[in-house]
Amino acid sequence: MWTVVYIAPNRTIAEMLKEILASEGLLVMLRSTGIPHFGDGGAVEILVPESEAEEAYEILSSTVPV
């Protein structure tokens, strides 16, 4: 089961965070949300397997300002 660990405001930020998580050995999937015609400007969910969610939260909390 995949778990949403962060919702990025756009595809560029989502890709950057995906690379950070992947470099730590996590499996990462991106899923666009909202209206499709926004293209890369719409929000993007960052998902990881449920078993890796806690580690992903820790990595993101040290990377993304709250």
C-alpha atoms as a PDB file:
ATOM      1  CA  MET A   1       0.000   0.000   0.000  1.00  0.00           C
ATOM      2  CA  TRP A   2       1.307   3.450  -0.940  1.00  0.00           C
ATOM      3  CA  THR A   3       1.087   6.350   1.516  1.00  0.00           C
ATOM      4  CA  VAL A   4       1.109  10.076   0.762  1.00  0.00           C
ATOM      5  CA  VAL A   5       3.954  11.661   2.735  1.00  0.00           C
ATOM      6  CA  TYR A   6       3.888  15.148   1.214  1.00  0.00           C
ATOM      7  CA  ILE A   7       1.909  17.248  -1.242  1.00  0.00           C
ATOM      8  CA  ALA A   8       4.216  19.451  -3.292  1.00  0.00           C
ATOM      9  CA  PRO A   9       2.824  22.655  -4.823  1.00  0.00           C
ATOM     10  CA  ASN A  10       4.145  21.765  -8.292  1.00  0.00           C
ATOM     11  CA  ARG A  11       5.904  19.065 -10.330  1.00  0.00           C
ATOM     12  CA  THR A  12       9.344  20.720 -10.098  1.00  0.00           C
ATOM     13  CA  ILE A  13       9.425  20.586  -6.305  1.00  0.00           C
ATOM     14  CA  ALA A  14       7.934  17.083  -6.319  1.00  0.00           C
ATOM     15  CA  GLU A  15      10.691  15.822  -8.628  1.00  0.00           C
ATOM     16  CA  MET A  16      13.358  17.407  -6.419  1.00  0.00           C
ATOM     17  CA  LEU A  17      11.954  15.750  -3.289  1.00  0.00           C
ATOM     18  CA  LYS A  18      11.559  12.446  -5.121  1.00  0.00           C
ATOM     19  CA  GLU A  19      15.273  12.498  -5.955  1.00  0.00           C
ATOM     20  CA  ILE A  20      16.175  13.192  -2.315  1.00  0.00           C
ATOM     21  CA  LEU A  21      14.055  10.289  -1.071  1.00  0.00           C
ATOM     22  CA  ALA A  22      15.254   7.942  -3.819  1.00  0.00           C
ATOM     23  CA  SER A  23      18.892   8.779  -3.032  1.00  0.00           C
ATOM     24  CA  GLU A  24      18.179   7.509   0.498  1.00  0.00           C
ATOM     25  CA  GLY A  25      16.992   4.195  -0.968  1.00  0.00           C
ATOM     26  CA  LEU A  26      13.235   4.713  -0.737  1.00  0.00           C
ATOM     27  CA  LEU A  27      10.759   3.771  -3.443  1.00  0.00           C
ATOM     28  CA  VAL A  28       8.885   6.895  -4.529  1.00  0.00           C
ATOM     29  CA  MET A  29       5.884   7.515  -6.758  1.00  0.00           C
ATOM     30  CA  LEU A  30       4.419  10.864  -7.823  1.00  0.00           C
ATOM     31  CA  ARG A  31       0.714  11.427  -8.490  1.00  0.00           C
ATOM     32  CA  SER A  32      -0.776  14.643  -9.852  1.00  0.00           C
ATOM     33  CA  THR A  33      -3.815  16.006  -8.075  1.00  0.00           C
ATOM     34  CA  GLY A  34      -6.424  18.535  -9.009  1.00  0.00           C
ATOM     35  CA  ILE A  35      -7.229  19.794 -12.468  1.00  0.00           C
ATOM     36  CA  PRO A  36      -5.220  18.152 -15.285  1.00  0.00           C
ATOM     37  CA  HIS A  37      -4.964  21.288 -17.464  1.00  0.00           C
ATOM     38  CA  PHE A  38      -2.653  22.942 -14.919  1.00  0.00           C
ATOM     39  CA  GLY A  39       0.155  20.734 -16.273  1.00  0.00           C
ATOM     40  CA  ASP A  40       3.306  21.022 -14.169  1.00  0.00           C
ATOM     41  CA  GLY A  41       1.783  23.829 -12.098  1.00  0.00           C
ATOM     42  CA  GLY A  42      -0.692  21.719 -10.128  1.00  0.00           C
ATOM     43  CA  ALA A  43      -0.118  20.004  -6.790  1.00  0.00           C
ATOM     44  CA  VAL A  44       1.634  16.634  -6.792  1.00  0.00           C
ATOM     45  CA  GLU A  45       1.404  13.948  -4.118  1.00  0.00           C
ATOM     46  CA  ILE A  46       4.599  12.187  -3.096  1.00  0.00           C
ATOM     47  CA  LEU A  47       3.930   8.595  -2.136  1.00  0.00           C
ATOM     48  CA  VAL A  48       6.091   5.855  -0.623  1.00  0.00           C
ATOM     49  CA  PRO A  49       5.305   2.302   0.474  1.00  0.00           C
ATOM     50  CA  GLU A  50       3.571   2.301   3.860  1.00  0.00           C
ATOM     51  CA  SER A  51       6.550   0.502   5.416  1.00  0.00           C
ATOM     52  CA  GLU A  52       8.860   3.395   4.417  1.00  0.00           C
ATOM     53  CA  ALA A  53       6.542   6.267   5.398  1.00  0.00           C
ATOM     54  CA  GLU A  54       8.110   7.001   8.790  1.00  0.00           C
ATOM     55  CA  GLU A  55      11.607   7.183   7.289  1.00  0.00           C
ATOM     56  CA  ALA A  56      10.310   9.408   4.480  1.00  0.00           C
ATOM     57  CA  TYR A  57       8.714  11.787   7.018  1.00  0.00           C
ATOM     58  CA  GLU A  58      12.027  12.047   8.873  1.00  0.00           C
ATOM     59  CA  ILE A  59      13.953  12.797   5.674  1.00  0.00           C
ATOM     60  CA  LEU A  60      11.395  15.349   4.496  1.00  0.00           C
ATOM     61  CA  SER A  61      11.211  17.048   7.892  1.00  0.00           C
ATOM     62  CA  SER A  62      14.944  17.759   7.694  1.00  0.00           C
ATOM     63  CA  THR A  63      14.670  18.887   4.053  1.00  0.00           C
ATOM     64  CA  VAL A  64      11.421  20.836   3.699  1.00  0.00           C
ATOM     65  CA  PRO A  65      10.804  23.935   5.837  1.00  0.00           C
ATOM     66  CA  VAL A  66       7.602  23.608   7.848  1.00  0.00           C
END
